């Protein structure tokens, strides 16, 4: 749209004004994107630390049980299942956070539908007012006015319709 109004921008020398407005809009967008990416990384790091601690504790328990448990293949299989569950837990938490971020606008729209409806602009009572002007018309007939009582009239026999 700026290209269509280029001649107007040049004639009024408003390039710097719109350049500043554009930079401010880009900065706001970049700040919100940075916050989104930062919180996503923060959650990812915390989840990875939590899942790694859980996996290490499970591995330590399995390695301490390997001599007392006769079937080592089951312990190895158990470790593999635990690692898969931890990965799926991390993935599900990230995806649920992503869905929560994306569904905020839908939740707001739903909440707006629950708000009470505002009054009508024109109420039935407004239509029934009698004596109220139905058209905007001001009419002066033979009007004379002066600034002070001691002065001559500044308007004499004015007739006009507005």
Protein backbone atom coordinates (compact mmCIF):
# COMPACT_ATOMS: atom_id res chain seq x y z
CA UNK A 1 0.00 0.00 0.00
CA UNK A 2 2.93 2.35 0.56
CA UNK A 3 3.94 1.99 -3.11
CA UNK A 4 0.54 3.39 -4.19
CA UNK A 5 1.03 6.43 -1.95
CA UNK A 6 4.67 7.01 -2.82
CA UNK A 7 3.98 10.34 -4.54
CA UNK A 8 2.08 11.62 -1.50
CA UNK A 9 4.85 10.50 0.85
CA UNK A 10 7.44 12.28 -1.27
CA UNK A 11 5.43 15.49 -1.53
CA UNK A 12 4.85 15.70 2.22
CA UNK A 13 8.33 14.35 3.07
CA UNK A 14 6.97 11.64 5.40
CA UNK A 15 9.45 8.86 4.56
CA UNK A 16 11.25 9.17 7.89
CA UNK A 17 7.96 9.08 9.82
CA UNK A 18 6.83 5.85 8.15
CA UNK A 19 10.32 4.36 8.42
CA UNK A 20 10.23 4.90 12.19
CA UNK A 21 6.71 3.42 12.40
CA UNK A 22 7.86 0.39 10.39
CA UNK A 23 10.93 -0.14 12.59
CA UNK A 24 8.80 0.05 15.74
CA UNK A 25 6.36 -2.53 14.34
CA UNK A 26 9.24 -4.85 13.36
CA UNK A 27 10.78 -4.44 16.81
CA UNK A 28 7.51 -5.36 18.55
CA UNK A 29 7.14 -8.40 16.33
CA UNK A 30 10.74 -9.48 16.93
CA UNK A 31 10.36 -9.03 20.71
CA UNK A 32 7.27 -11.22 20.85
CA UNK A 33 8.90 -13.84 18.62
CA UNK A 34 12.01 -13.81 20.81
CA UNK A 35 9.92 -14.29 23.97
CA UNK A 36 8.07 -17.19 22.34
CA UNK A 37 11.29 -18.93 21.23
CA UNK A 38 12.98 -18.23 24.57
CA UNK A 39 10.14 -19.77 26.61
CA UNK A 40 10.03 -22.73 24.24
CA UNK A 41 13.76 -23.33 24.75
CA UNK A 42 13.40 -22.82 28.51
CA UNK A 43 10.70 -25.50 28.73
CA UNK A 44 12.72 -27.79 26.46
CA UNK A 45 15.85 -27.48 28.61
CA UNK A 46 13.95 -28.13 31.84
CA UNK A 47 12.20 -31.14 30.31
CA UNK A 48 15.47 -32.58 29.00
CA UNK A 49 17.11 -32.20 32.43
CA UNK A 50 14.12 -33.83 34.16
CA UNK A 51 13.96 -36.70 31.65
CA UNK A 52 17.72 -37.29 31.80
CA UNK A 53 17.64 -37.46 35.60
CA UNK A 54 14.76 -39.95 35.46
CA UNK A 55 16.58 -42.04 32.84
CA UNK A 56 19.82 -42.04 34.85
CA UNK A 57 18.04 -43.12 38.03
CA UNK A 58 16.31 -45.91 36.10
CA UNK A 59 19.61 -47.03 34.52
CA UNK A 60 21.37 -47.04 37.90
CA UNK A 61 18.56 -49.12 39.43
CA UNK A 62 18.69 -51.59 36.51
CA UNK A 63 22.48 -51.91 36.66
CA UNK A 64 22.38 -52.58 40.38
CA UNK A 65 19.71 -55.24 39.85
CA UNK A 66 21.47 -57.00 36.95
CA UNK A 67 23.26 -59.54 39.18
CA UNK A 68 20.22 -60.36 41.31
CA UNK A 69 17.72 -60.55 38.43
CA UNK A 70 18.09 -63.71 36.35
CA UNK A 71 16.81 -62.38 33.02
CA UNK A 72 19.07 -59.53 31.81
CA UNK A 73 17.23 -59.17 28.51
CA UNK A 74 14.13 -58.05 30.36
CA UNK A 75 16.13 -55.40 32.22
CA UNK A 76 17.56 -54.13 28.93
CA UNK A 77 14.09 -54.09 27.41
CA UNK A 78 12.80 -52.23 30.49
CA UNK A 79 15.54 -49.60 30.07
CA UNK A 80 14.64 -49.16 26.40
CA UNK A 81 10.93 -48.78 27.22
CA UNK A 82 11.70 -46.22 29.95
CA UNK A 83 13.83 -44.17 27.50
CA UNK A 84 11.01 -44.26 24.93
CA UNK A 85 8.44 -43.21 27.55
CA UNK A 86 10.67 -40.34 28.68
CA UNK A 87 11.07 -39.16 25.07
CA UNK A 88 7.31 -39.36 24.46
CA UNK A 89 6.63 -37.51 27.73
CA UNK A 90 8.95 -34.69 26.66
CA UNK A 91 7.35 -34.56 23.22
CA UNK A 92 3.80 -34.55 24.63
CA UNK A 93 4.56 -31.71 27.07
CA UNK A 94 6.06 -29.62 24.27
CA UNK A 95 3.12 -30.31 21.96
CA UNK A 96 0.57 -29.49 24.68
CA UNK A 97 2.36 -26.18 25.32
CA UNK A 98 2.28 -25.49 21.58
CA UNK A 99 -1.45 -26.25 21.39
CA UNK A 100 -2.06 -24.01 24.41
CA UNK A 101 -0.22 -21.15 22.69
CA UNK A 102 -2.14 -21.60 19.46
CA UNK A 103 -5.58 -21.98 21.07
CA UNK A 104 -5.49 -18.75 23.08
CA UNK A 105 -7.29 -16.78 20.38
CA UNK A 106 -10.03 -19.43 20.09
CA UNK A 107 -10.54 -19.34 23.86
CA UNK A 108 -10.89 -15.56 23.77
CA UNK A 109 -13.44 -15.72 20.97
CA UNK A 110 -15.45 -18.26 22.97
CA UNK A 111 -15.27 -16.05 26.08
CA UNK A 112 -16.51 -13.07 24.05
CA UNK A 113 -19.56 -15.08 23.01
CA UNK A 114 -20.43 -15.54 26.71
CA UNK A 115 -20.45 -11.80 27.45
CA UNK A 116 -23.87 -10.17 27.92
CA UNK A 117 -25.17 -8.40 24.85
CA UNK A 118 -24.99 -4.61 24.81
CA UNK A 119 -28.06 -2.42 24.57
CA UNK A 120 -29.52 -1.61 21.18
CA UNK A 121 -28.49 1.69 19.61
CA UNK A 122 -32.09 2.67 18.94
CA UNK A 123 -34.52 1.54 21.59
CA UNK A 124 -38.28 1.30 21.05
CA UNK A 125 -38.72 4.06 23.67
CA UNK A 126 -36.62 6.45 21.55
CA UNK A 127 -39.05 6.11 18.64
CA UNK A 128 -42.04 7.04 20.80
CA UNK A 129 -40.71 10.43 21.98
CA UNK A 130 -43.15 13.07 20.74
CA UNK A 131 -42.13 16.60 20.18
CA UNK A 132 -38.57 15.58 19.62
CA UNK A 133 -37.17 16.92 16.37
CA UNK A 134 -37.04 14.33 13.62
CA UNK A 135 -34.81 16.41 11.32
CA UNK A 136 -31.80 18.57 12.05
CA UNK A 137 -33.03 22.04 11.10
CA UNK A 138 -32.41 25.45 12.68
CA UNK A 139 -34.40 28.42 11.41
CA UNK A 140 -34.00 32.10 12.30
CA UNK A 141 -36.74 34.60 11.34
CA UNK A 142 -36.24 38.35 11.80
CA UNK A 143 -33.60 37.89 14.50
CA UNK A 144 -31.71 40.90 15.83
CA UNK A 145 -28.78 40.56 18.22
CA UNK A 146 -26.33 42.87 19.96
CA UNK A 147 -23.26 42.27 22.11
CA UNK A 148 -24.37 44.57 24.95
CA UNK A 149 -27.54 46.40 25.77
CA UNK A 150 -25.85 49.76 25.22
CA UNK A 151 -24.59 48.91 21.71
CA UNK A 152 -26.25 48.93 18.33
CA UNK A 153 -27.51 45.52 17.09
CA UNK A 154 -24.84 43.64 15.17
CA UNK A 155 -27.46 41.48 13.44
CA UNK A 156 -30.69 43.07 12.18
CA UNK A 157 -33.66 41.14 10.91
CA UNK A 158 -31.66 38.00 10.16
CA UNK A 159 -33.52 35.29 8.27
CA UNK A 160 -31.69 32.00 7.67
CA UNK A 161 -32.29 28.28 7.68
CA UNK A 162 -29.56 25.79 8.70
